[in-house]
Amino acid sequence: MHGSEELAIRLQAAVEAVVPAALEQVRTEAEALCPVDAGDLKASLQVRMEGEGTSGQVVADVPYAAYVELGTFRSAPQPFLYPAFALVRPKVPAMLKQLLTGG
């Protein structure tokens, strides 16, 4: 096996490990930031993985989630998903580096 093939395999494995972990961190942060009325919105937060585990999304699976996040003409936005993503995103390169280098 050539060095570039080994690196590609290691990188693929690292991405497959980091993506679900990062998305779970986003979900946890979104739960902490989520406004709570009856609690249905917060309880609906979930991670959905796609493909081979290298992509996914955090979703709020209630019909009114976008109205809370983005607001309406009657209510101000109460963002919780995007701020959660913004908190976790800068940590992803370090997570990958740790897996690839062991440090």
PDB file of N, CA and C in Angstrom:
ATOM      1  N   MET A   1       0.851  -1.174   0.000  1.00  0.00           N
ATOM      2  CA  MET A   1       0.000   0.000   0.000  1.00  0.00           C
ATOM      3  C   MET A   1       0.895   1.234   0.000  1.00  0.00           C
ATOM      4  N   HIS A   2       0.600   2.153  -0.886  1.00  0.00           N
ATOM      5  CA  HIS A   2       1.372   3.380  -0.979  1.00  0.00           C
ATOM      6  C   HIS A   2       0.977   4.333   0.135  1.00  0.00           C
ATOM      7  N   GLY A   3       1.870   5.263   0.429  1.00  0.00           N
ATOM      8  CA  GLY A   3       1.629   6.231   1.493  1.00  0.00           C
ATOM      9  C   GLY A   3       0.377   7.052   1.271  1.00  0.00           C
ATOM     10  N   SER A   4       0.125   7.434   0.024  1.00  0.00           N
ATOM     11  CA  SER A   4      -1.060   8.248  -0.247  1.00  0.00           C
ATOM     12  C   SER A   4      -2.339   7.443  -0.053  1.00  0.00           C
ATOM     13  N   GLU A   5      -2.314   6.151  -0.365  1.00  0.00           N
ATOM     14  CA  GLU A   5      -3.486   5.303  -0.143  1.00  0.00           C
ATOM     15  C   GLU A   5      -3.746   5.129   1.347  1.00  0.00           C
ATOM     16  N   GLU A   6      -2.679   4.930   2.098  1.00  0.00           N
ATOM     17  CA  GLU A   6      -2.818   4.779   3.552  1.00  0.00           C
ATOM     18  C   GLU A   6      -3.367   6.060   4.162  1.00  0.00           C
ATOM     19  N   LEU A   7      -2.856   7.202   3.715  1.00  0.00           N
ATOM     20  CA  LEU A   7      -3.346   8.479   4.220  1.00  0.00           C
ATOM     21  C   LEU A   7      -4.826   8.665   3.892  1.00  0.00           C
ATOM     22  N   ALA A   8      -5.228   8.294   2.685  1.00  0.00           N
ATOM     23  CA  ALA A   8      -6.633   8.415   2.281  1.00  0.00           C
ATOM     24  C   ALA A   8      -7.526   7.540   3.155  1.00  0.00           C
ATOM     25  N   ILE A   9      -7.077   6.346   3.470  1.00  0.00           N
ATOM     26  CA  ILE A   9      -7.841   5.445   4.333  1.00  0.00           C
ATOM     27  C   ILE A   9      -7.947   6.015   5.741  1.00  0.00           C
ATOM     28  N   ARG A  10      -6.846   6.523   6.254  1.00  0.00           N
ATOM     29  CA  ARG A  10      -6.856   7.112   7.601  1.00  0.00           C
ATOM     30  C   ARG A  10      -7.733   8.351   7.648  1.00  0.00           C
ATOM     31  N   LEU A  11      -7.658   9.174   6.601  1.00  0.00           N
ATOM     32  CA  LEU A  11      -8.475  10.379   6.543  1.00  0.00           C
ATOM     33  C   LEU A  11      -9.959  10.027   6.479  1.00  0.00           C
ATOM     34  N   GLN A  12     -10.314   9.054   5.663  1.00  0.00           N
ATOM     35  CA  GLN A  12     -11.707   8.609   5.562  1.00  0.00           C
ATOM     36  C   GLN A  12     -12.219   8.123   6.920  1.00  0.00           C
ATOM     37  N   ALA A  13     -11.418   7.333   7.613  1.00  0.00           N
ATOM     38  CA  ALA A  13     -11.817   6.824   8.924  1.00  0.00           C
ATOM     39  C   ALA A  13     -11.976   7.968   9.929  1.00  0.00           C
ATOM     40  N   ALA A  14     -11.074   8.942   9.863  1.00  0.00           N
ATOM     41  CA  ALA A  14     -11.160  10.081  10.776  1.00  0.00           C
ATOM     42  C   ALA A  14     -12.420  10.889  10.514  1.00  0.00           C
ATOM     43  N   VAL A  15     -12.722  11.125   9.259  1.00  0.00           N
ATOM     44  CA  VAL A  15     -13.935  11.879   8.912  1.00  0.00           C
ATOM     45  C   VAL A  15     -15.173  11.120   9.374  1.00  0.00           C
ATOM     46  N   GLU A  16     -15.194   9.805   9.158  1.00  0.00           N
ATOM     47  CA  GLU A  16     -16.334   8.993   9.572  1.00  0.00           C
ATOM     48  C   GLU A  16     -16.512   8.986  11.091  1.00  0.00           C
ATOM     49  N   ALA A  17     -15.453   9.219  11.834  1.00  0.00           N
ATOM     50  CA  ALA A  17     -15.553   9.302  13.289  1.00  0.00           C
ATOM     51  C   ALA A  17     -15.906  10.712  13.756  1.00  0.00           C
ATOM     52  N   VAL A  18     -15.333  11.719  13.109  1.00  0.00           N
ATOM     53  CA  VAL A  18     -15.505  13.100  13.560  1.00  0.00           C
ATOM     54  C   VAL A  18     -16.872  13.666  13.199  1.00  0.00           C
ATOM     55  N   VAL A  19     -17.373  13.369  12.021  1.00  0.00           N
ATOM     56  CA  VAL A  19     -18.645  13.964  11.596  1.00  0.00           C
ATOM     57  C   VAL A  19     -19.773  13.630  12.570  1.00  0.00           C
ATOM     58  N   PRO A  20     -20.002  12.370  12.932  1.00  0.00           N
ATOM     59  CA  PRO A  20     -21.077  12.101  13.894  1.00  0.00           C
ATOM     60  C   PRO A  20     -20.822  12.739  15.266  1.00  0.00           C
ATOM     61  N   ALA A  21     -19.560  12.741  15.688  1.00  0.00           N
ATOM     62  CA  ALA A  21     -19.240  13.352  16.986  1.00  0.00           C
ATOM     63  C   ALA A  21     -19.496  14.858  16.966  1.00  0.00           C
ATOM     64  N   ALA A  22     -19.110  15.511  15.885  1.00  0.00           N
ATOM     65  CA  ALA A  22     -19.334  16.949  15.774  1.00  0.00           C
ATOM     66  C   ALA A  22     -20.826  17.267  15.705  1.00  0.00           C
ATOM     67  N   LEU A  23     -21.570  16.473  14.948  1.00  0.00           N
ATOM     68  CA  LEU A  23     -23.009  16.696  14.863  1.00  0.00           C
ATOM     69  C   LEU A  23     -23.689  16.476  16.211  1.00  0.00           C
ATOM     70  N   GLU A  24     -23.221  15.508  16.951  1.00  0.00           N
ATOM     71  CA  GLU A  24     -23.778  15.288  18.295  1.00  0.00           C
ATOM     72  C   GLU A  24     -23.475  16.479  19.201  1.00  0.00           C
ATOM     73  N   GLN A  25     -22.297  17.066  19.057  1.00  0.00           N
ATOM     74  CA  GLN A  25     -21.974  18.277  19.825  1.00  0.00           C
ATOM     75  C   GLN A  25     -22.888  19.429  19.420  1.00  0.00           C
ATOM     76  N   VAL A  26     -23.175  19.559  18.124  1.00  0.00           N
ATOM     77  CA  VAL A  26     -24.092  20.600  17.661  1.00  0.00           C
ATOM     78  C   VAL A  26     -25.470  20.375  18.275  1.00  0.00           C
ATOM     79  N   ARG A  27     -25.934  19.131  18.269  1.00  0.00           N
ATOM     80  CA  ARG A  27     -27.237  18.825  18.860  1.00  0.00           C
ATOM     81  C   ARG A  27     -27.277  19.187  20.334  1.00  0.00           C
ATOM     82  N   THR A  28     -26.231  18.857  21.056  1.00  0.00           N
ATOM     83  CA  THR A  28     -26.163  19.165  22.486  1.00  0.00           C
ATOM     84  C   THR A  28     -26.176  20.673  22.723  1.00  0.00           C
ATOM     85  N   GLU A  29     -25.401  21.410  21.935  1.00  0.00           N
ATOM     86  CA  GLU A  29     -25.388  22.878  22.062  1.00  0.00           C
ATOM     87  C   GLU A  29     -26.751  23.462  21.700  1.00  0.00           C
ATOM     88  N   ALA A  30     -27.378  22.929  20.646  1.00  0.00           N
ATOM     89  CA  ALA A  30     -28.697  23.416  20.236  1.00  0.00           C
ATOM     90  C   ALA A  30     -29.727  23.167  21.335  1.00  0.00           C
ATOM     91  N   GLU A  31     -29.637  22.028  21.999  1.00  0.00           N
ATOM     92  CA  GLU A  31     -30.534  21.764  23.134  1.00  0.00           C
ATOM     93  C   GLU A  31     -30.363  22.811  24.220  1.00  0.00           C
ATOM     94  N   ALA A  32     -29.117  23.162  24.494  1.00  0.00           N
ATOM     95  CA  ALA A  32     -28.852  24.152  25.545  1.00  0.00           C
ATOM     96  C   ALA A  32     -29.364  25.540  25.154  1.00  0.00           C
ATOM     97  N   LEU A  33     -29.333  25.860  23.878  1.00  0.00           N
ATOM     98  CA  LEU A  33     -29.743  27.178  23.395  1.00  0.00           C
ATOM     99  C   LEU A  33     -31.217  27.259  23.022  1.00  0.00           C
ATOM    100  N   CYS A  34     -31.869  26.126  22.901  1.00  0.00           N
ATOM    101  CA  CYS A  34     -33.241  26.066  22.410  1.00  0.00           C
ATOM    102  C   CYS A  34     -34.221  26.721  23.386  1.00  0.00           C
ATOM    103  N   PRO A  35     -35.050  27.642  22.888  1.00  0.00           N
ATOM    104  CA  PRO A  35     -36.086  28.189  23.750  1.00  0.00           C
ATOM    105  C   PRO A  35     -37.112  27.096  24.070  1.00  0.00           C
ATOM    106  N   VAL A  36     -37.611  27.103  25.280  1.00  0.00           N
ATOM    107  CA  VAL A  36     -38.521  26.044  25.700  1.00  0.00           C
ATOM    108  C   VAL A  36     -39.859  26.643  26.110  1.00  0.00           C
ATOM    109  N   ASP A  37     -40.899  26.148  25.479  1.00  0.00           N
ATOM    110  CA  ASP A  37     -42.260  26.461  25.888  1.00  0.00           C
ATOM    111  C   ASP A  37     -42.837  25.167  26.461  1.00  0.00           C
ATOM    112  N   ALA A  38     -43.292  24.295  25.592  1.00  0.00           N
ATOM    113  CA  ALA A  38     -43.784  22.990  26.037  1.00  0.00           C
ATOM    114  C   ALA A  38     -42.673  21.940  26.030  1.00  0.00           C
ATOM    115  N   GLY A  39     -41.554  22.242  25.362  1.00  0.00           N
ATOM    116  CA  GLY A  39     -40.431  21.310  25.305  1.00  0.00           C
ATOM    117  C   GLY A  39     -40.403  20.427  24.069  1.00  0.00           C
ATOM    118  N   ASP A  40     -41.418  20.550  23.205  1.00  0.00           N
ATOM    119  CA  ASP A  40     -41.470  19.698  22.014  1.00  0.00           C
ATOM    120  C   ASP A  40     -40.346  20.007  21.030  1.00  0.00           C
ATOM    121  N   LEU A  41     -40.029  21.277  20.869  1.00  0.00           N
ATOM    122  CA  LEU A  41     -38.964  21.673  19.947  1.00  0.00           C
ATOM    123  C   LEU A  41     -37.633  21.094  20.405  1.00  0.00           C
ATOM    124  N   LYS A  42     -37.314  21.280  21.654  1.00  0.00           N
ATOM    125  CA  LYS A  42     -36.058  20.763  22.203  1.00  0.00           C
ATOM    126  C   LYS A  42     -35.996  19.237  22.092  1.00  0.00           C
ATOM    127  N   ALA A  43     -37.109  18.577  22.383  1.00  0.00           N
ATOM    128  CA  ALA A  43     -37.151  17.112  22.317  1.00  0.00           C
ATOM    129  C   ALA A  43     -37.037  16.595  20.887  1.00  0.00           C
ATOM    130  N   SER A  44     -37.357  17.436  19.906  1.00  0.00           N
ATOM    131  CA  SER A  44     -37.326  16.992  18.513  1.00  0.00           C
ATOM    132  C   SER A  44     -35.936  17.039  17.889  1.00  0.00           C
ATOM    133  N   LEU A  45     -34.976  17.630  18.566  1.00  0.00           N
ATOM    134  CA  LEU A  45     -33.625  17.758  18.006  1.00  0.00           C
ATOM    135  C   LEU A  45     -32.988  16.385  17.846  1.00  0.00           C
ATOM    136  N   GLN A  46     -32.475  16.121  16.663  1.00  0.00           N
ATOM    137  CA  GLN A  46     -31.839  14.835  16.395  1.00  0.00           C
ATOM    138  C   GLN A  46     -30.780  14.959  15.306  1.00  0.00           C
ATOM    139  N   VAL A  47     -29.859  14.024  15.336  1.00  0.00           N
ATOM    140  CA  VAL A  47     -28.817  13.933  14.313  1.00  0.00           C
ATOM    141  C   VAL A  47     -29.283  12.924  13.275  1.00  0.00           C
ATOM    142  N   ARG A  48     -29.163  13.302  12.008  1.00  0.00           N
ATOM    143  CA  ARG A  48     -29.460  12.391  10.905  1.00  0.00           C
ATOM    144  C   ARG A  48     -28.208  12.255  10.050  1.00  0.00           C
ATOM    145  N   MET A  49     -27.672  11.062  10.011  1.00  0.00           N
ATOM    146  CA  MET A  49     -26.483  10.794   9.210  1.00  0.00           C
ATOM    147  C   MET A  49     -26.910  10.438   7.795  1.00  0.00           C
ATOM    148  N   GLU A  50     -26.041  10.751   6.836  1.00  0.00           N
ATOM    149  CA  GLU A  50     -26.310  10.488   5.431  1.00  0.00           C
ATOM    150  C   GLU A  50     -25.114   9.780   4.815  1.00  0.00           C
ATOM    151  N   GLY A  51     -25.365   9.137   3.719  1.00  0.00           N
ATOM    152  CA  GLY A  51     -24.283   8.516   2.962  1.00  0.00           C
ATOM    153  C   GLY A  51     -23.505   7.508   3.773  1.00  0.00           C
ATOM    154  N   GLU A  52     -22.211   7.600   3.686  1.00  0.00           N
ATOM    155  CA  GLU A  52     -21.308   6.662   4.356  1.00  0.00           C
ATOM    156  C   GLU A  52     -20.823   7.195   5.702  1.00  0.00           C
ATOM    157  N   GLY A  53     -21.600   8.046   6.327  1.00  0.00           N
ATOM    158  CA  GLY A  53     -21.209   8.593   7.618  1.00  0.00           C
ATOM    159  C   GLY A  53     -20.304   9.800   7.514  1.00  0.00           C
ATOM    160  N   THR A  54     -20.165  10.337   6.308  1.00  0.00           N
ATOM    161  CA  THR A  54     -19.302  11.496   6.135  1.00  0.00           C
ATOM    162  C   THR A  54     -20.088  12.794   6.032  1.00  0.00           C
ATOM    163  N   SER A  55     -21.402  12.700   6.126  1.00  0.00           N
ATOM    164  CA  SER A  55     -22.221  13.908   6.167  1.00  0.00           C
ATOM    165  C   SER A  55     -23.484  13.619   6.956  1.00  0.00           C
ATOM    166  N   GLY A  56     -24.097  14.674   7.395  1.00  0.00           N
ATOM    167  CA  GLY A  56     -25.320  14.530   8.168  1.00  0.00           C
ATOM    168  C   GLY A  56     -25.835  15.902   8.531  1.00  0.00           C
ATOM    169  N   GLN A  57     -26.846  15.911   9.339  1.00  0.00           N
ATOM    170  CA  GLN A  57     -27.438  17.172   9.748  1.00  0.00           C
ATOM    171  C   GLN A  57     -28.074  17.039  11.117  1.00  0.00           C
ATOM    172  N   VAL A  58     -28.212  18.167  11.765  1.00  0.00           N
ATOM    173  CA  VAL A  58     -28.970  18.241  13.002  1.00  0.00           C
ATOM    174  C   VAL A  58     -30.291  18.883  12.629  1.00  0.00           C
ATOM    175  N   VAL A  59     -31.381  18.228  12.982  1.00  0.00           N
ATOM    176  CA  VAL A  59     -32.696  18.738  12.616  1.00  0.00           C
ATOM    177  C   VAL A  59     -33.556  18.922  13.857  1.00  0.00           C
ATOM    178  N   ALA A  60     -34.423  19.903  13.770  1.00  0.00           N
ATOM    179  CA  ALA A  60     -35.488  20.089  14.741  1.00  0.00           C
ATOM    180  C   ALA A  60     -36.747  19.646  14.014  1.00  0.00           C
ATOM    181  N   ASP A  61     -37.284  18.529  14.412  1.00  0.00           N
ATOM    182  CA  ASP A  61     -38.319  17.856  13.648  1.00  0.00           C
ATOM    183  C   ASP A  61     -39.731  18.192  14.126  1.00  0.00           C
ATOM    184  N   VAL A  62     -40.021  19.481  14.205  1.00  0.00           N
ATOM    185  CA  VAL A  62     -41.388  19.950  14.440  1.00  0.00           C
ATOM    186  C   VAL A  62     -41.682  21.001  13.370  1.00  0.00           C
ATOM    187  N   PRO A  63     -42.928  21.128  12.957  1.00  0.00           N
ATOM    188  CA  PRO A  63     -43.249  22.022  11.840  1.00  0.00           C
ATOM    189  C   PRO A  63     -42.889  23.492  12.059  1.00  0.00           C
ATOM    190  N   TYR A  64     -42.830  23.939  13.283  1.00  0.00           N
ATOM    191  CA  TYR A  64     -42.610  25.355  13.568  1.00  0.00           C
ATOM    192  C   TYR A  64     -41.163  25.700  13.884  1.00  0.00           C
ATOM    193  N   ALA A  65     -40.251  24.767  13.745  1.00  0.00           N
ATOM    194  CA  ALA A  65     -38.852  25.000  14.113  1.00  0.00           C
ATOM    195  C   ALA A  65     -38.245  26.191  13.372  1.00  0.00           C
ATOM    196  N   ALA A  66     -38.497  26.289  12.089  1.00  0.00           N
ATOM    197  CA  ALA A  66     -37.936  27.401  11.303  1.00  0.00           C
ATOM    198  C   ALA A  66     -38.480  28.737  11.774  1.00  0.00           C
ATOM    199  N   TYR A  67     -39.735  28.771  12.200  1.00  0.00           N
ATOM    200  CA  TYR A  67     -40.319  30.027  12.688  1.00  0.00           C
ATOM    201  C   TYR A  67     -39.631  30.502  13.963  1.00  0.00           C
ATOM    202  N   VAL A  68     -39.258  29.546  14.808  1.00  0.00           N
ATOM    203  CA  VAL A  68     -38.536  29.905  16.035  1.00  0.00           C
ATOM    204  C   VAL A  68     -37.130  30.376  15.681  1.00  0.00           C
ATOM    205  N   GLU A  69     -36.439  29.620  14.852  1.00  0.00           N
ATOM    206  CA  GLU A  69     -35.054  29.938  14.481  1.00  0.00           C
ATOM    207  C   GLU A  69     -34.957  31.281  13.749  1.00  0.00           C
ATOM    208  N   LEU A  70     -35.843  31.496  12.795  1.00  0.00           N
ATOM    209  CA  LEU A  70     -35.734  32.656  11.910  1.00  0.00           C
ATOM    210  C   LEU A  70     -36.688  33.798  12.248  1.00  0.00           C
ATOM    211  N   GLY A  71     -37.706  33.513  13.042  1.00  0.00           N
ATOM    212  CA  GLY A  71     -38.691  34.529  13.389  1.00  0.00           C
ATOM    213  C   GLY A  71     -39.760  34.655  12.323  1.00  0.00           C
ATOM    214  N   THR A  72     -40.757  35.444  12.635  1.00  0.00           N
ATOM    215  CA  THR A  72     -41.841  35.740  11.700  1.00  0.00           C
ATOM    216  C   THR A  72     -42.134  37.229  11.817  1.00  0.00           C
ATOM    217  N   PHE A  73     -43.121  37.697  11.068  1.00  0.00           N
ATOM    218  CA  PHE A  73     -43.473  39.114  11.194  1.00  0.00           C
ATOM    219  C   PHE A  73     -44.095  39.406  12.549  1.00  0.00           C
ATOM    220  N   ARG A  74     -44.510  38.364  13.268  1.00  0.00           N
ATOM    221  CA  ARG A  74     -45.113  38.543  14.598  1.00  0.00           C
ATOM    222  C   ARG A  74     -44.163  38.233  15.750  1.00  0.00           C
ATOM    223  N   SER A  75     -43.131  37.473  15.474  1.00  0.00           N
ATOM    224  CA  SER A  75     -42.227  37.095  16.569  1.00  0.00           C
ATOM    225  C   SER A  75     -40.772  37.232  16.139  1.00  0.00           C
ATOM    226  N   ALA A  76     -39.968  37.661  17.082  1.00  0.00           N
ATOM    227  CA  ALA A  76     -38.536  37.830  16.827  1.00  0.00           C
ATOM    228  C   ALA A  76     -37.868  36.462  16.711  1.00  0.00           C
ATOM    229  N   PRO A  77     -36.792  36.374  15.946  1.00  0.00           N
ATOM    230  CA  PRO A  77     -36.065  35.105  15.863  1.00  0.00           C
ATOM    231  C   PRO A  77     -35.462  34.725  17.212  1.00  0.00           C
ATOM    232  N   GLN A  78     -35.438  33.432  17.454  1.00  0.00           N
ATOM    233  CA  GLN A  78     -34.784  32.881  18.642  1.00  0.00           C
ATOM    234  C   GLN A  78     -33.838  31.771  18.174  1.00  0.00           C
ATOM    235  N   PRO A  79     -32.754  32.165  17.506  1.00  0.00           N
ATOM    236  CA  PRO A  79     -31.878  31.158  16.887  1.00  0.00           C
ATOM    237  C   PRO A  79     -31.232  30.241  17.919  1.00  0.00           C
ATOM    238  N   PHE A  80     -31.188  28.975  17.573  1.00  0.00           N
ATOM    239  CA  PHE A  80     -30.558  27.972  18.423  1.00  0.00           C
ATOM    240  C   PHE A  80     -29.744  26.984  17.593  1.00  0.00           C
ATOM    241  N   LEU A  81     -30.165  26.696  16.355  1.00  0.00           N
ATOM    242  CA  LEU A  81     -29.423  25.749  15.516  1.00  0.00           C
ATOM    243  C   LEU A  81     -28.153  26.366  14.934  1.00  0.00           C
ATOM    244  N   TYR A  82     -28.289  27.518  14.286  1.00  0.00           N
ATOM    245  CA  TYR A  82     -27.095  28.124  13.697  1.00  0.00           C
ATOM    246  C   TYR A  82     -26.058  28.499  14.757  1.00  0.00           C
ATOM    247  N   PRO A  83     -26.461  29.110  15.872  1.00  0.00           N
ATOM    248  CA  PRO A  83     -25.440  29.405  16.899  1.00  0.00           C
ATOM    249  C   PRO A  83     -24.744  28.140  17.420  1.00  0.00           C
ATOM    250  N   ALA A  84     -25.474  27.037  17.520  1.00  0.00           N
ATOM    251  CA  ALA A  84     -24.860  25.779  17.953  1.00  0.00           C
ATOM    252  C   ALA A  84     -23.822  25.320  16.938  1.00  0.00           C
ATOM    253  N   PHE A  85     -24.174  25.394  15.655  1.00  0.00           N
ATOM    254  CA  PHE A  85     -23.234  25.056  14.589  1.00  0.00           C
ATOM    255  C   PHE A  85     -22.006  25.956  14.655  1.00  0.00           C
ATOM    256  N   ALA A  86     -22.229  27.249  14.855  1.00  0.00           N
ATOM    257  CA  ALA A  86     -21.118  28.211  14.897  1.00  0.00           C
ATOM    258  C   ALA A  86     -20.180  27.936  16.074  1.00  0.00           C
ATOM    259  N   LEU A  87     -20.690  27.401  17.162  1.00  0.00           N
ATOM    260  CA  LEU A  87     -19.845  27.061  18.311  1.00  0.00           C
ATOM    261  C   LEU A  87     -18.974  25.833  18.036  1.00  0.00           C
ATOM    262  N   VAL A  88     -19.517  24.875  17.326  1.00  0.00           N
ATOM    263  CA  VAL A  88     -18.808  23.601  17.116  1.00  0.00           C
ATOM    264  C   VAL A  88     -17.891  23.640  15.903  1.00  0.00           C
ATOM    265  N   ARG A  89     -18.277  24.344  14.866  1.00  0.00           N
ATOM    266  CA  ARG A  89     -17.517  24.337  13.609  1.00  0.00           C
ATOM    267  C   ARG A  89     -16.019  24.583  13.777  1.00  0.00           C
ATOM    268  N   PRO A  90     -15.590  25.572  14.560  1.00  0.00           N
ATOM    269  CA  PRO A  90     -14.142  25.801  14.684  1.00  0.00           C
ATOM    270  C   PRO A  90     -13.384  24.662  15.367  1.00  0.00           C
ATOM    271  N   LYS A  91     -14.087  23.773  16.050  1.00  0.00           N
ATOM    272  CA  LYS A  91     -13.440  22.666  16.763  1.00  0.00           C
ATOM    273  C   LYS A  91     -13.145  21.470  15.858  1.00  0.00           C
ATOM    274  N   VAL A  92     -13.786  21.409  14.706  1.00  0.00           N
ATOM    275  CA  VAL A  92     -13.688  20.229  13.839  1.00  0.00           C
ATOM    276  C   VAL A  92     -12.263  19.978  13.333  1.00  0.00           C
ATOM    277  N   PRO A  93     -11.528  20.982  12.858  1.00  0.00           N
ATOM    278  CA  PRO A  93     -10.155  20.691  12.420  1.00  0.00           C
ATOM    279  C   PRO A  93      -9.287  20.084  13.529  1.00  0.00           C
ATOM    280  N   ALA A  94      -9.436  20.558  14.740  1.00  0.00           N
ATOM    281  CA  ALA A  94      -8.655  19.991  15.852  1.00  0.00           C
ATOM    282  C   ALA A  94      -9.082  18.552  16.146  1.00  0.00           C
ATOM    283  N   MET A  95     -10.363  18.273  16.004  1.00  0.00           N
ATOM    284  CA  MET A  95     -10.847  16.905  16.205  1.00  0.00           C
ATOM    285  C   MET A  95     -10.235  15.968  15.171  1.00  0.00           C
ATOM    286  N   LEU A  96     -10.190  16.423  13.916  1.00  0.00           N
ATOM    287  CA  LEU A  96      -9.572  15.607  12.854  1.00  0.00           C
ATOM    288  C   LEU A  96      -8.083  15.423  13.107  1.00  0.00           C
ATOM    289  N   LYS A  97      -7.425  16.513  13.457  1.00  0.00           N
ATOM    290  CA  LYS A  97      -5.987  16.438  13.710  1.00  0.00           C
ATOM    291  C   LYS A  97      -5.671  15.463  14.839  1.00  0.00           C
ATOM    292  N   GLN A  98      -6.470  15.500  15.892  1.00  0.00           N
ATOM    293  CA  GLN A  98      -6.247  14.600  17.015  1.00  0.00           C
ATOM    294  C   GLN A  98      -6.361  13.140  16.584  1.00  0.00           C
ATOM    295  N   LEU A  99      -7.349  12.832  15.773  1.00  0.00           N
ATOM    296  CA  LEU A  99      -7.502  11.457  15.307  1.00  0.00           C
ATOM    297  C   LEU A  99      -6.374  11.040  14.362  1.00  0.00           C
ATOM    298  N   LEU A 100      -5.941  11.959  13.512  1.00  0.00           N
ATOM    299  CA  LEU A 100      -4.914  11.625  12.529  1.00  0.00           C
ATOM    300  C   LEU A 100      -3.521  11.528  13.125  1.00  0.00           C
ATOM    301  N   THR A 101      -3.255  12.341  14.137  1.00  0.00           N
ATOM    302  CA  THR A 101      -1.918  12.363  14.707  1.00  0.00           C
ATOM    303  C   THR A 101      -1.834  11.679  16.056  1.00  0.00           C
ATOM    304  N   GLY A 102      -2.989  11.395  16.653  1.00  0.00           N
ATOM    305  CA  GLY A 102      -3.000  10.776  17.976  1.00  0.00           C
ATOM    306  C   GLY A 102      -2.648  11.757  19.071  1.00  0.00           C
ATOM    307  N   GLY A 103      -2.664  13.043  18.760  1.00  0.00           N
ATOM    308  CA  GLY A 103      -2.274  14.027  19.766  1.00  0.00           C
ATOM    309  C   GLY A 103      -3.198  15.129  19.920  1.00  0.00           C
TER     310      GLY A 103
END
